[in-house]
Amino acid sequence: MFSKKVTVSKEELQEFRRVFDKFDMKQKREVPIKKLGHMMDIFNQNFTKSYIKDLSIALNYRKKGKFTYDDFLRIVVPKMILKQTRMELREVFNVLDRSGMGYICEEDLAYCMKALGVDNSSERVQDILKESDLDGDGKVTFEDFCKILTTK
């Protein structure tokens, strides 16, 4: 639903290059995989150790223990886009969460549906909430909302 053309600004590319070059201390156009976690920390991408390990295994397809700038871009660009998408989804979620309780309740959804001129009968609203409550906690949380809108 939120598929948009992936664009990275010139400034962002310059920042990615600056960070990569900072860790490419031998200027061989490659960085040791063990530095990946530190590089991602610069972008406030706090990956778990297991995720870093998985990335390291994937990046080590050449069996050299190092990765290139292109490899780095394949990791960092999608993460930055995902972060931006989540920020945009948060803004939409906050509009729908009229009560400010951190979840979308029946009253919030009914109000928004009415404002959009959509059938907001109690039965329809409850059906939508039931479909949207992915974790079964009786509420449509931000995580539920993100999964619904980003899953194809």
N, C-alpha and C. Protein backbone atom coordinates (compact mmCIF):
# COMPACT_ATOMS: atom_id res chain seq x y z
N MET A 1 0.82 -1.19 0.00
CA MET A 1 0.00 0.00 0.00
C MET A 1 0.87 1.26 0.00
N PHE A 2 1.96 1.25 0.74
CA PHE A 2 2.82 2.40 0.83
C PHE A 2 4.05 2.22 -0.06
N SER A 3 3.85 1.67 -1.24
CA SER A 3 4.99 1.49 -2.13
C SER A 3 5.23 2.80 -2.87
N LYS A 4 6.41 3.32 -2.70
CA LYS A 4 6.76 4.54 -3.40
C LYS A 4 8.16 4.36 -3.94
N LYS A 5 8.48 5.15 -4.93
CA LYS A 5 9.79 5.04 -5.53
C LYS A 5 10.85 5.37 -4.49
N VAL A 6 11.85 4.53 -4.43
CA VAL A 6 12.93 4.71 -3.47
C VAL A 6 13.86 5.79 -4.00
N THR A 7 13.98 6.86 -3.25
CA THR A 7 14.91 7.91 -3.63
C THR A 7 15.77 8.26 -2.44
N VAL A 8 17.01 8.49 -2.73
CA VAL A 8 17.96 8.89 -1.71
C VAL A 8 18.57 10.20 -2.18
N SER A 9 18.57 11.17 -1.30
CA SER A 9 19.09 12.49 -1.68
C SER A 9 20.61 12.46 -1.84
N LYS A 10 21.10 13.45 -2.53
CA LYS A 10 22.54 13.59 -2.72
C LYS A 10 23.23 13.73 -1.36
N GLU A 11 22.61 14.47 -0.46
CA GLU A 11 23.18 14.67 0.87
C GLU A 11 23.25 13.35 1.65
N GLU A 12 22.20 12.53 1.52
CA GLU A 12 22.21 11.24 2.21
C GLU A 12 23.31 10.34 1.66
N LEU A 13 23.45 10.32 0.34
CA LEU A 13 24.52 9.52 -0.26
C LEU A 13 25.90 9.99 0.20
N GLN A 14 26.06 11.30 0.31
CA GLN A 14 27.33 11.84 0.80
C GLN A 14 27.58 11.40 2.24
N GLU A 15 26.53 11.39 3.04
CA GLU A 15 26.67 10.95 4.44
C GLU A 15 27.01 9.46 4.50
N PHE A 16 26.35 8.66 3.69
CA PHE A 16 26.66 7.22 3.66
C PHE A 16 28.12 7.01 3.25
N ARG A 17 28.57 7.75 2.24
CA ARG A 17 29.96 7.64 1.78
C ARG A 17 30.93 8.07 2.88
N ARG A 18 30.60 9.17 3.56
CA ARG A 18 31.47 9.67 4.63
C ARG A 18 31.64 8.62 5.72
N VAL A 19 30.53 8.01 6.12
CA VAL A 19 30.58 6.98 7.17
C VAL A 19 31.38 5.78 6.68
N PHE A 20 31.11 5.34 5.46
CA PHE A 20 31.85 4.19 4.93
C PHE A 20 33.34 4.48 4.90
N ASP A 21 33.70 5.65 4.38
CA ASP A 21 35.11 6.01 4.28
C ASP A 21 35.78 6.11 5.64
N LYS A 22 35.03 6.54 6.64
CA LYS A 22 35.58 6.64 8.00
C LYS A 22 36.03 5.26 8.50
N PHE A 23 35.29 4.22 8.13
CA PHE A 23 35.62 2.88 8.58
C PHE A 23 36.53 2.13 7.60
N ASP A 24 36.72 2.68 6.42
CA ASP A 24 37.63 2.10 5.42
C ASP A 24 39.02 2.67 5.66
N MET A 25 39.59 2.31 6.80
CA MET A 25 40.84 2.92 7.24
C MET A 25 42.03 2.62 6.33
N LYS A 26 42.02 1.49 5.66
CA LYS A 26 43.12 1.13 4.76
C LYS A 26 42.88 1.63 3.34
N GLN A 27 41.77 2.29 3.14
CA GLN A 27 41.38 2.86 1.84
C GLN A 27 41.45 1.81 0.73
N LYS A 28 40.87 0.64 1.03
CA LYS A 28 40.83 -0.44 0.04
C LYS A 28 39.42 -0.64 -0.50
N ARG A 29 38.54 0.31 -0.21
CA ARG A 29 37.14 0.26 -0.65
C ARG A 29 36.40 -0.94 -0.08
N GLU A 30 36.77 -1.32 1.14
CA GLU A 30 36.07 -2.38 1.85
C GLU A 30 36.28 -2.19 3.35
N VAL A 31 35.30 -2.66 4.09
CA VAL A 31 35.30 -2.51 5.55
C VAL A 31 35.11 -3.89 6.17
N PRO A 32 35.83 -4.17 7.26
CA PRO A 32 35.61 -5.45 7.94
C PRO A 32 34.17 -5.58 8.42
N ILE A 33 33.60 -6.75 8.24
CA ILE A 33 32.22 -6.99 8.64
C ILE A 33 32.00 -6.69 10.12
N LYS A 34 33.00 -6.93 10.94
CA LYS A 34 32.84 -6.70 12.38
C LYS A 34 32.58 -5.23 12.72
N LYS A 35 32.78 -4.33 11.78
CA LYS A 35 32.54 -2.89 12.00
C LYS A 35 31.10 -2.48 11.65
N LEU A 36 30.34 -3.38 11.07
CA LEU A 36 29.00 -3.03 10.60
C LEU A 36 28.11 -2.48 11.72
N GLY A 37 28.11 -3.11 12.87
CA GLY A 37 27.29 -2.65 13.99
C GLY A 37 27.61 -1.22 14.38
N HIS A 38 28.90 -0.89 14.42
CA HIS A 38 29.32 0.47 14.77
C HIS A 38 28.86 1.47 13.71
N MET A 39 28.94 1.06 12.46
CA MET A 39 28.51 1.94 11.38
C MET A 39 27.01 2.23 11.48
N MET A 40 26.24 1.21 11.75
CA MET A 40 24.79 1.39 11.82
C MET A 40 24.39 2.20 13.05
N ASP A 41 25.17 2.11 14.11
CA ASP A 41 24.90 2.92 15.30
C ASP A 41 24.93 4.41 14.98
N ILE A 42 25.78 4.81 14.04
CA ILE A 42 25.88 6.21 13.64
C ILE A 42 24.54 6.71 13.10
N PHE A 43 23.79 5.81 12.45
CA PHE A 43 22.49 6.17 11.89
C PHE A 43 21.34 5.85 12.84
N ASN A 44 21.67 5.62 14.10
CA ASN A 44 20.67 5.26 15.11
C ASN A 44 19.87 4.03 14.72
N GLN A 45 20.54 3.10 14.08
CA GLN A 45 19.93 1.82 13.72
C GLN A 45 20.50 0.78 14.68
N ASN A 46 19.88 0.65 15.81
CA ASN A 46 20.37 -0.25 16.85
C ASN A 46 19.95 -1.68 16.55
N PHE A 47 20.78 -2.38 15.80
CA PHE A 47 20.49 -3.75 15.45
C PHE A 47 20.87 -4.67 16.60
N THR A 48 20.13 -5.75 16.73
CA THR A 48 20.49 -6.77 17.73
C THR A 48 21.74 -7.49 17.24
N LYS A 49 22.42 -8.12 18.18
CA LYS A 49 23.63 -8.87 17.82
C LYS A 49 23.30 -9.99 16.84
N SER A 50 22.15 -10.63 17.03
CA SER A 50 21.80 -11.73 16.12
C SER A 50 21.51 -11.20 14.71
N TYR A 51 20.91 -9.99 14.61
CA TYR A 51 20.65 -9.42 13.29
C TYR A 51 21.96 -9.05 12.61
N ILE A 52 22.88 -8.47 13.37
CA ILE A 52 24.20 -8.13 12.82
C ILE A 52 24.89 -9.41 12.34
N LYS A 53 24.77 -10.48 13.13
CA LYS A 53 25.38 -11.75 12.74
C LYS A 53 24.78 -12.25 11.43
N ASP A 54 23.45 -12.17 11.30
CA ASP A 54 22.80 -12.59 10.06
C ASP A 54 23.26 -11.75 8.87
N LEU A 55 23.34 -10.43 9.08
CA LEU A 55 23.83 -9.56 8.01
C LEU A 55 25.27 -9.90 7.65
N SER A 56 26.06 -10.17 8.66
CA SER A 56 27.47 -10.50 8.43
C SER A 56 27.60 -11.75 7.59
N ILE A 57 26.78 -12.74 7.89
CA ILE A 57 26.80 -13.98 7.10
C ILE A 57 26.41 -13.69 5.66
N ALA A 58 25.35 -12.89 5.49
CA ALA A 58 24.90 -12.54 4.14
C ALA A 58 25.95 -11.73 3.39
N LEU A 59 26.60 -10.81 4.09
CA LEU A 59 27.61 -9.97 3.45
C LEU A 59 28.89 -10.74 3.14
N ASN A 60 29.10 -11.81 3.83
CA ASN A 60 30.35 -12.56 3.67
C ASN A 60 30.25 -13.59 2.55
N TYR A 61 29.40 -13.30 1.56
CA TYR A 61 29.23 -14.24 0.46
C TYR A 61 30.51 -14.42 -0.34
N ARG A 62 31.41 -13.46 -0.27
CA ARG A 62 32.70 -13.58 -0.96
C ARG A 62 33.73 -14.28 -0.08
N LYS A 63 33.35 -14.56 1.16
CA LYS A 63 34.21 -15.24 2.14
C LYS A 63 35.48 -14.44 2.45
N LYS A 64 35.37 -13.14 2.37
CA LYS A 64 36.53 -12.29 2.65
C LYS A 64 36.44 -11.61 4.01
N GLY A 65 35.26 -11.66 4.65
CA GLY A 65 35.10 -11.00 5.94
C GLY A 65 35.00 -9.49 5.83
N LYS A 66 34.75 -9.00 4.61
CA LYS A 66 34.66 -7.56 4.37
C LYS A 66 33.48 -7.27 3.46
N PHE A 67 33.06 -6.02 3.44
CA PHE A 67 31.99 -5.62 2.54
C PHE A 67 32.34 -4.30 1.87
N THR A 68 31.73 -4.08 0.71
CA THR A 68 32.00 -2.89 -0.10
C THR A 68 30.98 -1.79 0.19
N TYR A 69 31.20 -0.65 -0.42
CA TYR A 69 30.25 0.46 -0.30
C TYR A 69 28.89 0.07 -0.87
N ASP A 70 28.89 -0.62 -2.00
CA ASP A 70 27.61 -1.06 -2.59
C ASP A 70 26.87 -2.00 -1.65
N ASP A 71 27.61 -2.91 -1.00
CA ASP A 71 27.00 -3.79 -0.01
C ASP A 71 26.37 -2.96 1.11
N PHE A 72 27.11 -1.96 1.56
CA PHE A 72 26.66 -1.09 2.64
C PHE A 72 25.36 -0.38 2.25
N LEU A 73 25.30 0.12 1.03
CA LEU A 73 24.09 0.80 0.56
C LEU A 73 22.90 -0.15 0.53
N ARG A 74 23.13 -1.41 0.16
CA ARG A 74 22.04 -2.39 0.13
C ARG A 74 21.47 -2.64 1.52
N ILE A 75 22.25 -2.36 2.54
CA ILE A 75 21.77 -2.53 3.92
C ILE A 75 21.13 -1.24 4.43
N VAL A 76 21.84 -0.14 4.31
CA VAL A 76 21.43 1.10 4.97
C VAL A 76 20.24 1.78 4.30
N VAL A 77 20.16 1.77 2.98
CA VAL A 77 19.08 2.48 2.29
C VAL A 77 17.71 1.91 2.65
N PRO A 78 17.50 0.59 2.56
CA PRO A 78 16.18 0.07 2.97
C PRO A 78 15.84 0.38 4.43
N LYS A 79 16.83 0.35 5.30
CA LYS A 79 16.58 0.65 6.72
C LYS A 79 16.14 2.10 6.90
N MET A 80 16.76 3.01 6.18
CA MET A 80 16.38 4.43 6.27
C MET A 80 14.96 4.64 5.73
N ILE A 81 14.64 3.95 4.64
CA ILE A 81 13.31 4.08 4.06
C ILE A 81 12.26 3.51 5.01
N LEU A 82 12.58 2.37 5.61
CA LEU A 82 11.66 1.76 6.57
C LEU A 82 11.43 2.70 7.75
N LYS A 83 12.49 3.33 8.22
CA LYS A 83 12.37 4.27 9.34
C LYS A 83 11.46 5.44 8.95
N GLN A 84 11.63 5.97 7.73
CA GLN A 84 10.80 7.08 7.26
C GLN A 84 9.35 6.64 7.12
N THR A 85 9.14 5.44 6.58
CA THR A 85 7.79 4.92 6.42
C THR A 85 7.10 4.78 7.77
N ARG A 86 7.82 4.26 8.76
CA ARG A 86 7.24 4.11 10.10
C ARG A 86 6.88 5.47 10.71
N MET A 87 7.69 6.48 10.43
CA MET A 87 7.38 7.81 10.94
C MET A 87 6.10 8.34 10.29
N GLU A 88 5.95 8.10 8.99
CA GLU A 88 4.74 8.54 8.29
C GLU A 88 3.52 7.76 8.80
N LEU A 89 3.68 6.46 9.01
CA LEU A 89 2.59 5.65 9.54
C LEU A 89 2.21 6.11 10.94
N ARG A 90 3.19 6.51 11.73
CA ARG A 90 2.92 7.00 13.09
C ARG A 90 2.03 8.23 13.04
N GLU A 91 2.31 9.13 12.10
CA GLU A 91 1.49 10.34 11.97
C GLU A 91 0.04 9.98 11.64
N VAL A 92 -0.16 9.05 10.72
CA VAL A 92 -1.51 8.63 10.35
C VAL A 92 -2.18 7.94 11.54
N PHE A 93 -1.44 7.06 12.20
CA PHE A 93 -1.98 6.35 13.36
C PHE A 93 -2.44 7.34 14.43
N ASN A 94 -1.64 8.35 14.68
CA ASN A 94 -1.98 9.33 15.72
C ASN A 94 -3.26 10.09 15.38
N VAL A 95 -3.51 10.31 14.09
CA VAL A 95 -4.77 10.95 13.68
C VAL A 95 -5.94 10.02 13.98
N LEU A 96 -5.78 8.73 13.68
CA LEU A 96 -6.85 7.77 13.93
C LEU A 96 -7.06 7.51 15.42
N ASP A 97 -6.00 7.58 16.19
CA ASP A 97 -6.08 7.36 17.65
C ASP A 97 -6.52 8.66 18.31
N ARG A 98 -7.76 9.03 18.07
CA ARG A 98 -8.29 10.30 18.56
C ARG A 98 -8.27 10.39 20.08
N SER A 99 -8.44 9.25 20.75
CA SER A 99 -8.48 9.25 22.21
C SER A 99 -7.09 9.39 22.82
N GLY A 100 -6.05 9.17 22.01
CA GLY A 100 -4.69 9.29 22.51
C GLY A 100 -4.27 8.18 23.45
N MET A 101 -4.94 7.04 23.36
CA MET A 101 -4.66 5.93 24.27
C MET A 101 -3.56 5.00 23.76
N GLY A 102 -3.07 5.23 22.54
CA GLY A 102 -2.02 4.37 22.00
C GLY A 102 -2.56 3.20 21.21
N TYR A 103 -3.84 3.20 20.97
CA TYR A 103 -4.46 2.17 20.13
C TYR A 103 -5.72 2.76 19.51
N ILE A 104 -6.19 2.12 18.45
CA ILE A 104 -7.41 2.57 17.79
C ILE A 104 -8.57 1.78 18.35
N CYS A 105 -9.52 2.51 18.92
CA CYS A 105 -10.69 1.86 19.52
C CYS A 105 -11.89 2.01 18.57
N GLU A 106 -12.98 1.39 18.93
CA GLU A 106 -14.19 1.40 18.10
C GLU A 106 -14.67 2.83 17.84
N GLU A 107 -14.67 3.66 18.87
CA GLU A 107 -15.15 5.04 18.71
C GLU A 107 -14.26 5.83 17.76
N ASP A 108 -12.94 5.65 17.89
CA ASP A 108 -12.00 6.35 17.01
C ASP A 108 -12.24 5.98 15.56
N LEU A 109 -12.34 4.68 15.31
CA LEU A 109 -12.52 4.20 13.94
C LEU A 109 -13.86 4.65 13.37
N ALA A 110 -14.93 4.56 14.15
CA ALA A 110 -16.26 4.96 13.69
C ALA A 110 -16.26 6.45 13.31
N TYR A 111 -15.62 7.28 14.12
CA TYR A 111 -15.56 8.71 13.85
C TYR A 111 -14.84 8.97 12.52
N CYS A 112 -13.69 8.34 12.34
CA CYS A 112 -12.90 8.55 11.12
C CYS A 112 -13.64 8.05 9.89
N MET A 113 -14.30 6.90 10.02
CA MET A 113 -15.06 6.36 8.89
C MET A 113 -16.21 7.30 8.52
N LYS A 114 -16.87 7.84 9.52
CA LYS A 114 -17.97 8.78 9.26
C LYS A 114 -17.44 10.03 8.56
N ALA A 115 -16.31 10.53 9.02
CA ALA A 115 -15.72 11.73 8.42
C ALA A 115 -15.35 11.49 6.95
N LEU A 116 -15.02 10.24 6.62
CA LEU A 116 -14.67 9.89 5.25
C LEU A 116 -15.88 9.51 4.40
N GLY A 117 -17.05 9.47 5.03
CA GLY A 117 -18.26 9.11 4.31
C GLY A 117 -18.38 7.63 4.03
N VAL A 118 -17.74 6.82 4.87
CA VAL A 118 -17.74 5.37 4.71
C VAL A 118 -18.73 4.76 5.70
N ASP A 119 -19.31 3.62 5.34
CA ASP A 119 -20.23 2.92 6.23
C ASP A 119 -19.57 2.71 7.59
N ASN A 120 -20.11 3.35 8.60
CA ASN A 120 -19.54 3.22 9.95
C ASN A 120 -20.53 2.56 10.91
N SER A 121 -21.31 1.63 10.38
CA SER A 121 -22.23 0.90 11.27
C SER A 121 -21.40 0.14 12.30
N SER A 122 -21.99 -0.08 13.43
CA SER A 122 -21.29 -0.77 14.52
C SER A 122 -20.74 -2.11 14.05
N GLU A 123 -21.53 -2.83 13.28
CA GLU A 123 -21.10 -4.15 12.79
C GLU A 123 -19.87 -4.02 11.89
N ARG A 124 -19.89 -3.05 10.97
CA ARG A 124 -18.76 -2.84 10.04
C ARG A 124 -17.50 -2.44 10.81
N VAL A 125 -17.64 -1.53 11.75
CA VAL A 125 -16.50 -1.07 12.55
C VAL A 125 -15.91 -2.24 13.33
N GLN A 126 -16.76 -3.04 13.95
CA GLN A 126 -16.27 -4.19 14.72
C GLN A 126 -15.57 -5.21 13.83
N ASP A 127 -16.10 -5.42 12.61
CA ASP A 127 -15.45 -6.33 11.67
C ASP A 127 -14.05 -5.86 11.31
N ILE A 128 -13.92 -4.56 11.04
CA ILE A 128 -12.62 -4.00 10.69
C ILE A 128 -11.65 -4.13 11.87
N LEU A 129 -12.13 -3.81 13.06
CA LEU A 129 -11.26 -3.93 14.24
C LEU A 129 -10.82 -5.37 14.46
N LYS A 130 -11.74 -6.29 14.27
CA LYS A 130 -11.41 -7.71 14.47
C LYS A 130 -10.34 -8.16 13.48
N GLU A 131 -10.49 -7.76 12.21
CA GLU A 131 -9.50 -8.09 11.18
C GLU A 131 -8.15 -7.44 11.46
N SER A 132 -8.18 -6.26 12.03
CA SER A 132 -6.97 -5.46 12.21
C SER A 132 -6.20 -5.80 13.48
N ASP A 133 -6.85 -6.44 14.42
CA ASP A 133 -6.20 -6.80 15.69
C ASP A 133 -5.39 -8.08 15.49
N LEU A 134 -4.20 -7.93 14.95
CA LEU A 134 -3.40 -9.08 14.55
C LEU A 134 -2.87 -9.90 15.72
N ASP A 135 -2.62 -9.25 16.84
CA ASP A 135 -2.06 -10.00 17.97
C ASP A 135 -3.13 -10.47 18.95
N GLY A 136 -4.39 -10.17 18.66
CA GLY A 136 -5.49 -10.68 19.46
C GLY A 136 -5.63 -10.08 20.84
N ASP A 137 -5.08 -8.88 21.04
CA ASP A 137 -5.17 -8.26 22.37
C ASP A 137 -6.41 -7.38 22.52
N GLY A 138 -7.28 -7.37 21.51
CA GLY A 138 -8.51 -6.59 21.59
C GLY A 138 -8.34 -5.13 21.20
N LYS A 139 -7.16 -4.76 20.73
CA LYS A 139 -6.88 -3.37 20.35
C LYS A 139 -6.11 -3.37 19.03
N VAL A 140 -6.24 -2.30 18.28
CA VAL A 140 -5.41 -2.12 17.10
C VAL A 140 -4.27 -1.20 17.52
N THR A 141 -3.13 -1.82 17.79
CA THR A 141 -1.95 -1.08 18.23
C THR A 141 -1.20 -0.54 17.01
N PHE A 142 -0.20 0.26 17.27
CA PHE A 142 0.62 0.78 16.19
C PHE A 142 1.29 -0.35 15.42
N GLU A 143 1.75 -1.37 16.11
CA GLU A 143 2.38 -2.51 15.43
C GLU A 143 1.39 -3.23 14.52
N ASP A 144 0.17 -3.44 15.01
CA ASP A 144 -0.88 -4.04 14.17
C ASP A 144 -1.08 -3.18 12.92
N PHE A 145 -1.22 -1.89 13.14
CA PHE A 145 -1.47 -0.92 12.07
C PHE A 145 -0.37 -0.99 11.01
N CYS A 146 0.89 -1.01 11.45
CA CYS A 146 2.02 -1.08 10.51
C CYS A 146 1.99 -2.37 9.71
N LYS A 147 1.73 -3.48 10.38
CA LYS A 147 1.72 -4.77 9.68
C LYS A 147 0.62 -4.81 8.63
N ILE A 148 -0.53 -4.27 8.95
CA ILE A 148 -1.65 -4.26 8.01
C ILE A 148 -1.29 -3.46 6.76
N LEU A 149 -0.70 -2.30 6.96
CA LEU A 149 -0.45 -1.40 5.84
C LEU A 149 0.82 -1.69 5.07
N THR A 150 1.72 -2.49 5.62
CA THR A 150 2.97 -2.76 4.91
C THR A 150 3.07 -4.18 4.41
N THR A 151 2.09 -5.01 4.69
CA THR A 151 2.09 -6.39 4.21
C THR A 151 1.33 -6.46 2.91
N LYS A 152 1.94 -7.10 1.94
CA LYS A 152 1.29 -7.23 0.63
C LYS A 152 0.45 -8.47 0.60
